[in-house]
Protein backbone atom coordinates (compact mmCIF):
# COMPACT_ATOMS: atom_id res chain seq x y z
CA MET A 1 -24.28 -52.23 -36.80
CA THR A 2 -24.90 -51.21 -33.31
CA HIS A 3 -21.56 -50.22 -32.27
CA GLN A 4 -22.20 -47.96 -34.88
CA VAL A 5 -25.56 -46.18 -33.53
CA PHE A 6 -23.75 -46.32 -30.14
CA ALA A 7 -21.22 -44.34 -31.86
CA PHE A 8 -23.69 -41.88 -33.24
CA TYR A 9 -25.43 -41.51 -30.39
CA LEU A 10 -22.19 -40.48 -28.09
CA ARG A 11 -21.27 -37.96 -30.34
CA ILE A 12 -24.11 -36.22 -30.39
CA LEU A 13 -24.94 -36.33 -26.91
CA HIS A 14 -21.52 -35.43 -26.30
CA SER A 15 -21.92 -32.25 -28.65
CA MET A 16 -25.14 -31.30 -26.73
CA TRP A 17 -23.06 -31.86 -23.75
CA MET A 18 -20.07 -29.43 -24.73
CA GLU A 19 -22.78 -26.29 -26.47
CA SER A 20 -24.92 -26.82 -23.26
CA LEU A 21 -21.31 -26.19 -20.90
CA LEU A 22 -20.07 -23.17 -23.90
CA LYS A 23 -23.69 -21.44 -22.68
CA LEU A 24 -23.47 -22.16 -18.90
CA THR A 25 -20.15 -20.37 -19.50
CA ALA A 26 -20.71 -17.26 -21.39
CA SER A 27 -23.51 -16.83 -18.44
CA SER A 28 -23.57 -13.80 -16.13
CA PHE A 29 -22.19 -15.87 -13.09
CA VAL A 30 -19.22 -17.14 -14.16
CA PRO A 31 -17.38 -13.62 -13.71
CA ASP A 32 -17.85 -14.23 -9.77
CA LEU A 33 -17.16 -17.75 -10.15
CA LEU A 34 -13.93 -17.48 -11.17
CA SER A 35 -12.91 -14.72 -9.47
CA LEU A 36 -12.87 -15.01 -5.41
CA LYS A 37 -13.94 -11.08 -4.99
CA ARG A 38 -12.48 -8.95 -2.00
CA SER A 39 -14.91 -6.67 0.17
CA SER A 40 -12.89 -4.43 2.41
CA ARG A 41 -14.39 -3.91 5.57
CA GLN A 42 -13.84 -0.95 9.00
CA THR A 43 -10.97 -2.87 10.11
CA GLY A 44 -9.24 -2.87 6.77
CA LYS A 45 -8.89 -7.12 6.52
CA THR A 46 -10.54 -8.04 3.19
CA ARG A 47 -12.00 -11.11 2.81
CA ARG A 48 -12.99 -13.86 0.06
CA LYS A 49 -16.43 -14.15 -0.78
CA LEU A 50 -18.56 -15.74 -4.09
CA GLU A 51 -21.14 -13.72 -4.92
CA VAL A 52 -24.14 -15.45 -7.42
CA ALA A 53 -28.06 -14.57 -8.10
CA VAL A 54 -30.56 -16.43 -7.17
CA ASP A 55 -31.49 -17.24 -10.26
CA ASP A 56 -28.46 -18.31 -11.39
CA MET A 57 -27.53 -20.88 -8.36
CA GLU A 58 -28.56 -23.97 -9.65
CA ASN A 59 -26.30 -23.34 -13.20
CA LEU A 60 -23.72 -22.93 -10.88
CA ALA A 61 -24.39 -26.01 -8.98
CA ARG A 62 -24.42 -27.66 -12.44
CA ALA A 63 -20.85 -26.07 -13.05
CA CYS A 64 -19.75 -27.25 -10.38
CA LYS A 65 -20.71 -30.66 -10.56
CA VAL A 66 -18.70 -30.48 -14.50
CA CYS A 67 -15.20 -29.26 -12.52
CA LYS A 68 -16.12 -31.85 -9.66
CA CYS A 69 -16.50 -28.78 -6.82
CA GLU A 70 -17.57 -31.23 -4.74
CA GLU A 71 -18.01 -29.21 -1.82
CA LEU A 72 -19.32 -26.11 -3.14
CA GLN A 73 -21.83 -28.21 -4.94
CA LYS A 74 -23.01 -29.42 -1.87
CA ILE A 75 -23.43 -25.72 -0.82
CA LEU A 76 -25.18 -24.63 -3.55
CA ASP A 77 -27.82 -27.68 -3.63
CA ASN A 78 -28.79 -26.82 -0.30
CA GLU A 79 -29.17 -23.18 -1.49
CA VAL A 80 -30.97 -24.01 -3.88
CA MET A 81 -33.20 -26.42 -2.07
CA HIS A 82 -34.03 -23.83 0.68
CA GLN A 83 -34.61 -21.07 -1.60
CA LYS A 84 -37.41 -22.92 -3.25
CA TYR A 85 -38.88 -22.44 0.24
CA ALA A 86 -38.04 -19.26 1.40
CA ASP A 87 -40.89 -17.05 -0.10
CA TYR A 88 -43.37 -19.50 2.36
CA LYS A 89 -40.65 -19.24 5.14
CA SER A 90 -40.78 -15.75 5.20
CA VAL A 91 -42.44 -13.79 7.61
CA ARG A 92 -42.26 -10.51 4.93
CA GLN A 93 -42.46 -10.42 1.79
CA LEU A 94 -40.33 -8.50 -0.33
CA ASP A 95 -41.38 -7.00 -3.19
CA LEU A 96 -38.10 -8.95 -5.49
CA ASP A 97 -37.31 -11.42 -7.35
CA ASN A 98 -34.77 -13.46 -8.13
CA SER A 99 -32.58 -12.25 -10.35
CA GLN A 100 -32.61 -9.20 -7.75
CA LYS A 101 -31.57 -11.34 -4.58
CA ARG A 102 -27.85 -12.84 -4.10
CA PHE A 103 -26.16 -15.53 -2.83
CA ILE A 104 -23.50 -14.74 -1.05
CA LEU A 105 -20.40 -17.32 0.22
CA GLN A 106 -17.47 -17.26 2.36
CA ALA A 107 -14.40 -18.02 1.89
CA GLN A 108 -14.45 -19.40 5.46
CA SER A 109 -17.58 -22.03 4.04
CA LEU A 110 -15.97 -23.73 2.56
CA PRO A 111 -13.68 -26.46 3.86
CA GLU A 112 -10.10 -25.93 4.09
CA LYS A 113 -8.90 -28.59 1.54
CA ASP A 114 -11.37 -26.63 -0.61
CA ARG A 115 -9.92 -22.76 -0.03
CA LEU A 116 -7.59 -21.20 -3.05
CA SER A 117 -4.98 -20.56 -0.06
CA SER A 118 -4.85 -25.32 -0.11
CA ALA A 119 -5.37 -25.41 -3.97
CA LEU A 120 -2.04 -22.95 -4.49
CA GLN A 121 -0.20 -25.08 -1.63
CA ARG A 122 -0.80 -28.41 -3.23
CA ILE A 123 0.71 -26.52 -6.63
CA LEU A 124 3.40 -25.45 -4.93
CA GLN A 125 4.85 -28.64 -3.55
CA THR A 126 3.91 -30.05 -6.67
CA CYS A 127 6.39 -28.49 -8.19
CA LEU A 128 8.72 -28.16 -5.70
CA ALA A 129 8.68 -31.78 -6.16
CA ASN A 130 9.92 -31.64 -9.48
CA SER A 131 11.90 -29.08 -9.49
CA THR A 132 15.54 -30.67 -9.81
CA GLU A 133 18.47 -30.51 -9.91
CA GLU A 134 20.22 -29.20 -13.60
CA GLY A 135 20.04 -32.74 -16.16
CA TYR A 136 20.37 -32.39 -19.46
CA GLY A 137 20.42 -36.40 -19.83
CA SER A 138 17.48 -38.08 -22.21
CA GLU A 139 15.75 -39.67 -18.91
CA GLY A 140 16.31 -36.57 -17.49
CA SER A 141 14.04 -34.81 -19.72
CA ASN A 142 11.75 -37.05 -19.95
CA ALA A 143 11.19 -37.61 -16.38
CA MET A 144 10.95 -33.78 -16.89
CA ARG A 145 8.29 -34.06 -19.23
CA LYS A 146 6.30 -36.65 -17.51
CA ASP A 147 6.27 -33.81 -14.17
CA LEU A 148 5.17 -31.09 -16.29
CA GLU A 149 1.89 -33.21 -16.78
CA ASP A 150 0.98 -33.05 -12.97
CA ASP A 151 2.37 -29.90 -12.04
CA LEU A 152 1.15 -28.26 -15.54
CA ALA A 153 4.10 -25.61 -15.34
CA ASP A 154 4.69 -23.67 -18.19
CA LEU A 155 7.47 -21.23 -17.33
CA TYR A 156 11.45 -23.05 -15.73
CA ILE A 157 13.87 -20.90 -14.23
CA LYS A 158 17.13 -21.70 -13.37
CA VAL A 159 19.27 -20.92 -9.66
CA GLU A 160 22.62 -22.18 -9.02
CA ASP A 161 21.69 -25.50 -10.35
CA LYS A 162 18.61 -26.21 -9.90
CA VAL A 163 15.50 -25.71 -11.85
CA PHE A 164 12.18 -24.91 -10.66
CA HIS A 165 8.83 -25.47 -12.11
CA CYS A 166 6.63 -22.64 -12.39
CA HIS A 167 4.02 -20.51 -13.63
CA LYS A 168 4.11 -18.13 -15.55
CA VAL A 169 0.52 -16.43 -14.23
CA ILE A 170 1.35 -16.34 -11.05
CA LEU A 171 4.78 -15.32 -11.01
CA ALA A 172 3.34 -12.18 -13.18
CA SER A 173 0.31 -11.79 -11.03
CA ARG A 174 2.42 -11.32 -7.84
CA SER A 175 5.44 -9.70 -8.86
CA GLU A 176 6.04 -6.90 -11.35
CA TYR A 177 9.63 -7.75 -11.76
CA PHE A 178 8.19 -11.23 -13.25
CA ARG A 179 5.84 -9.16 -15.40
CA ALA A 180 8.07 -7.36 -17.26
CA ARG A 181 10.62 -9.51 -17.15
CA LEU A 182 7.99 -12.43 -18.59
CA SER A 183 6.61 -9.91 -21.35
CA ARG A 184 9.70 -9.34 -23.22
CA SER A 185 10.95 -12.42 -25.11
CA VAL A 186 14.68 -11.42 -25.22
CA ASP A 187 15.45 -12.11 -21.96
CA PHE A 188 14.33 -16.22 -22.64
CA LEU A 189 17.45 -18.41 -22.98
CA GLU A 190 18.18 -19.03 -26.77
CA ASP A 191 16.80 -22.16 -28.37
CA SER A 192 20.44 -23.52 -28.52
CA CYS A 193 19.82 -24.27 -25.22
CA GLU A 194 19.64 -27.95 -24.32
CA PHE A 195 17.44 -27.58 -21.72
CA GLN A 196 15.30 -25.72 -23.19
CA ALA A 197 14.80 -27.28 -26.40
CA ALA A 198 14.42 -30.84 -25.14
CA GLN A 199 11.88 -29.23 -22.62
CA ASN A 200 10.31 -27.16 -25.29
CA LEU A 201 9.54 -24.66 -22.91
CA PRO A 202 10.96 -21.34 -21.96
CA LEU A 203 13.70 -20.95 -19.39
CA LEU A 204 14.70 -18.06 -17.46
CA GLU A 205 18.26 -17.52 -15.28
CA GLU A 206 18.15 -15.91 -11.45
CA HIS A 207 22.08 -14.54 -10.46
CA ASP A 208 22.99 -13.46 -7.22
CA LEU A 209 20.71 -15.79 -4.90
CA SER A 210 20.26 -18.79 -3.30
CA ALA A 211 18.33 -21.57 -4.42
CA GLU A 212 16.99 -21.50 -0.59
CA ALA A 213 15.90 -18.77 -1.39
CA PHE A 214 14.24 -18.55 -3.99
CA GLU A 215 12.27 -21.50 -3.04
CA LYS A 216 11.18 -19.39 0.13
CA MET A 217 9.94 -16.68 -1.88
CA LEU A 218 7.90 -18.82 -4.16
CA GLU A 219 6.30 -20.91 -1.30
CA TYR A 220 5.45 -16.55 -0.29
CA MET A 221 3.90 -15.78 -4.21
CA TYR A 222 2.42 -18.92 -4.21
CA THR A 223 0.69 -19.00 -0.47
CA ASP A 224 1.09 -15.25 0.33
CA ASN A 225 2.87 -16.93 3.53
CA LEU A 226 5.69 -18.63 5.09
CA ASP A 227 5.87 -21.78 7.23
CA HIS A 228 9.06 -21.72 8.73
CA LEU A 229 12.02 -19.12 8.37
CA ASP A 230 15.52 -19.85 9.60
CA PRO A 231 16.47 -16.43 11.28
CA ASP A 232 19.65 -17.04 8.91
CA GLN A 233 17.65 -16.40 5.48
CA ALA A 234 15.85 -13.10 6.60
CA GLU A 235 19.09 -10.92 5.10
CA GLU A 236 18.72 -12.74 2.17
CA LEU A 237 14.70 -12.80 2.11
CA PHE A 238 14.75 -9.48 2.35
CA ASP A 239 17.19 -8.67 -0.43
CA VAL A 240 15.09 -10.65 -2.07
CA ALA A 241 12.22 -8.97 -1.71
CA SER A 242 13.95 -5.32 -2.21
CA ARG A 243 15.24 -7.02 -5.64
CA TYR A 244 11.86 -9.01 -6.88
CA LEU A 245 9.73 -5.84 -6.07
CA LEU A 246 7.98 -8.03 -3.11
CA PHE A 247 7.90 -5.68 -0.48
CA PRO A 248 4.94 -7.02 1.48
CA LEU A 249 6.94 -10.11 1.89
CA LYS A 250 9.36 -7.75 3.91
CA ARG A 251 6.42 -7.55 6.46
CA VAL A 252 6.16 -11.53 6.43
CA VAL A 253 9.74 -12.41 7.14
CA ALA A 254 9.96 -9.18 9.78
CA ASP A 255 7.32 -10.51 11.70
CA MET A 256 9.04 -13.68 11.54
CA LEU A 257 11.97 -12.28 13.06
CA LEU A 258 11.03 -10.48 15.49
CA PRO A 259 10.69 -13.49 17.79
CA HIS A 260 14.05 -14.36 17.91
CA LEU A 261 15.34 -10.76 18.14
CA GLU A 262 14.15 -10.91 21.80
CA HIS A 263 17.41 -13.37 22.46
CA VAL A 264 20.02 -11.93 20.57
CA SER A 265 23.13 -9.65 21.82
CA PRO A 266 23.38 -6.01 21.05
CA ALA A 267 26.35 -6.27 18.82
CA GLU A 268 23.41 -9.09 16.69
CA LEU A 269 21.23 -6.32 17.42
CA CYS A 270 23.19 -2.84 15.48
CA HIS A 271 23.94 -5.81 13.18
CA TRP A 272 19.94 -6.23 12.11
CA LEU A 273 19.77 -2.27 12.63
CA MET A 274 21.88 -1.79 10.25
CA LEU A 275 19.68 -3.89 7.82
CA SER A 276 16.62 -3.16 8.56
CA ASP A 277 17.25 0.24 7.66
CA ILE A 278 18.89 -0.31 4.59
CA TYR A 279 16.23 -2.74 2.94
CA GLY A 280 13.31 0.01 4.51
CA VAL A 281 12.14 -2.79 7.23
CA MET A 282 10.57 -0.21 9.28
CA LYS A 283 9.18 -2.35 12.13
CA ILE A 284 12.65 -4.46 12.74
CA ARG A 285 13.72 -0.46 12.83
CA GLU A 286 11.33 0.87 15.37
CA TYR A 287 11.89 -1.83 17.96
CA ILE A 288 15.28 -2.18 17.48
CA LEU A 289 15.54 1.77 18.43
CA ASP A 290 13.31 1.68 21.29
CA ILE A 291 15.06 -1.08 22.72
CA ILE A 292 18.06 0.62 22.50
CA ALA A 293 16.71 4.36 24.04
CA CYS A 294 15.86 2.29 27.20
CA ASN A 295 18.52 0.65 27.52
CA PHE A 296 20.81 3.47 26.35
CA GLU A 297 23.78 2.62 28.62
CA MET A 298 23.61 -0.96 28.12
CA PHE A 299 24.54 -0.28 24.30
CA ALA A 300 26.89 2.45 25.11
CA GLY A 301 29.40 -0.28 26.72
CA THR A 302 29.04 -2.03 23.66
CA ARG A 303 31.63 -2.04 20.82
CA GLU A 304 29.85 -2.22 18.07
CA PHE A 305 27.24 0.01 19.08
CA ARG A 306 29.55 2.06 19.57
CA ALA A 307 31.96 0.93 15.93
CA LEU A 308 28.13 1.65 14.40
CA LEU A 309 28.00 5.85 15.58
CA LEU A 310 30.94 5.88 13.04
CA THR A 311 28.68 5.00 10.18
CA LEU A 312 25.76 6.47 10.21
CA PRO A 313 24.84 10.45 9.65
CA PRO A 314 25.22 12.63 12.72
CA PRO A 315 22.27 13.93 13.86
CA SER A 316 20.87 17.14 13.40
CA GLY A 317 21.24 19.96 15.55
CA ASP A 318 18.48 22.05 14.68
CA ASP A 319 15.42 21.39 16.54
CA SER A 320 13.02 22.25 13.86
CA LEU A 321 14.94 19.16 11.69
CA ARG A 322 14.02 16.68 14.44
CA THR A 323 11.08 14.29 14.08
CA THR A 324 9.76 11.21 16.03
CA ARG A 325 8.36 9.64 13.30
CA PRO A 326 10.98 7.68 10.75
CA SER A 327 11.03 8.50 7.18
CA ALA A 328 9.48 6.19 4.85
CA PRO A 329 10.62 3.51 2.64
CA GLY A 330 12.14 4.95 -0.12
CA THR A 331 10.96 8.38 0.65
CA ALA A 332 13.61 11.66 -0.36
CA GLY A 333 14.45 14.60 0.83
CA ASN A 334 17.19 16.06 3.49
CA THR A 335 19.28 12.87 4.21
CA ASP A 336 19.37 14.41 8.20
CA GLN A 337 15.59 14.39 8.59
CA GLY A 338 14.57 10.66 9.37
CA ASN A 339 18.31 9.70 10.37
CA ILE A 340 18.93 6.50 12.52
CA LEU A 341 20.35 9.02 15.44
CA ASP A 342 17.41 11.52 15.26
CA ASP A 343 15.15 9.17 15.87
CA LEU A 344 16.99 7.35 18.65
CA ARG A 345 17.29 10.75 19.82
CA GLU A 346 13.60 11.38 20.23
CA LYS A 347 13.12 8.29 22.01
CA TRP A 348 15.82 8.88 23.82
CA LEU A 349 13.80 11.87 25.04
CA GLU A 350 10.78 9.67 25.69
CA ALA A 351 11.99 7.30 27.08
CA GLU A 352 13.86 9.53 29.98
CA GLY A 353 10.81 10.92 30.55
CA ALA A 354 11.98 14.63 29.60
CA GLU A 355 9.75 17.66 30.22
CA LEU A 356 9.28 20.12 26.95
CA ASP A 357 11.39 22.90 28.62
CA GLU A 358 14.00 20.71 29.17
CA ARG A 359 13.61 18.68 25.63
CA ASP A 360 16.59 20.91 24.19
CA GLU A 361 19.27 20.90 26.90
CA SER A 362 18.68 17.02 27.00
CA ALA A 363 19.04 16.89 23.68
CA ALA A 364 22.00 18.66 23.54
CA LEU A 365 23.39 16.20 26.86
CA PHE A 366 22.70 13.18 24.25
CA ASP A 367 24.45 14.36 21.47
CA LYS A 368 27.30 15.60 24.16
CA ARG A 369 27.44 11.87 24.48
CA LEU A 370 27.30 10.49 21.07
CA GLU A 371 30.58 12.38 20.15
CA THR A 372 31.80 10.91 23.31
CA LEU A 373 30.92 7.37 22.63
CA MET A 374 32.40 8.42 18.94
CA LEU A 375 35.64 9.56 19.68
CA VAL A 376 36.12 6.13 21.99
CA ALA A 377 34.97 4.26 18.76
CA GLU A 378 37.86 6.01 17.18
CA LYS A 379 40.38 5.32 19.05
CA GLU A 380 39.16 1.72 19.47
CA ALA A 381 39.46 1.74 15.20
CA GLY A 382 42.87 3.55 15.49
CA ASP A 383 44.21 0.30 18.38
CA GLU A 384 42.68 -1.95 15.75
CA ASP A 385 45.27 -0.37 12.57
CA ALA A 386 48.22 0.06 15.06
């Protein structure tokens, strides 16, 4: 009888606790807690912050206790205690009640391990650890089913022979490609697929990229960063960023590739110049054009550079078509305007310090030099064929 009464009271307490939690989650501060607002400054940088009315801070602290956000709860408890005595300590009394006062917490105030980036990094590590080589056996299925409890994945993506654990909400929020792909159930493999049937989860299959490149893409999508980059992967990642509409990934790869380009040969720089122009990686393109313009004669003596000239559109002869600004990525228009040789000519003129009244003459000399190099390249190509 005692056990029955005790169990009855436990059910009542549980229902009361659930009712209080539901009221708590319906309060006005929850959108502030769940969404990390971004505020832009004049510098163009964005900073994450949490903003909540002072009246709601105690409720927010209780929500943090329920959700086991211990560090955030400590900060809020201290601030609640401070607010109780703030009016007594204030030199100037403001005619504001607590519903009008706001508490703002910058993300940098939290310990590193409690920030969103660290949490996503832990989720990524768990997902990658659970991602395994393709295996459809019953033992493998049971193991992967248990792994799902650890990483809460709701999607499988198969690349080559590896199956990755992923989360739809992260992929769809980071890439328009995945947003469109995940909204179409016809893109998922049919239930006749033994692996999908065993796991009872949707499965996508991606082609024409390596599992290593896909793993790097996942790292960026989850953490907005890359810890390490092998220069040999950069070309494939530029292609992946274009295909999956992750254009900021190009900038991250370019920033990590630039130190490597400081120590490569002129022949390799020519290779990267072509790739950067194809994929619209303007930082790499401009960097290499600056190097070529300042060391033009050295590159003119390089066979790879002369061969590259044969593959490029010729420079425009009309001065009105010349530009010191490269064409923006993805823009259409006159194909002569802003092409590589036009931009190289302008950078060469700047490097040579040509006077305004001599620019046309200097540009004509540069064009003739290019023509000579192209003739040499054609002869070299003919000799190879022979």
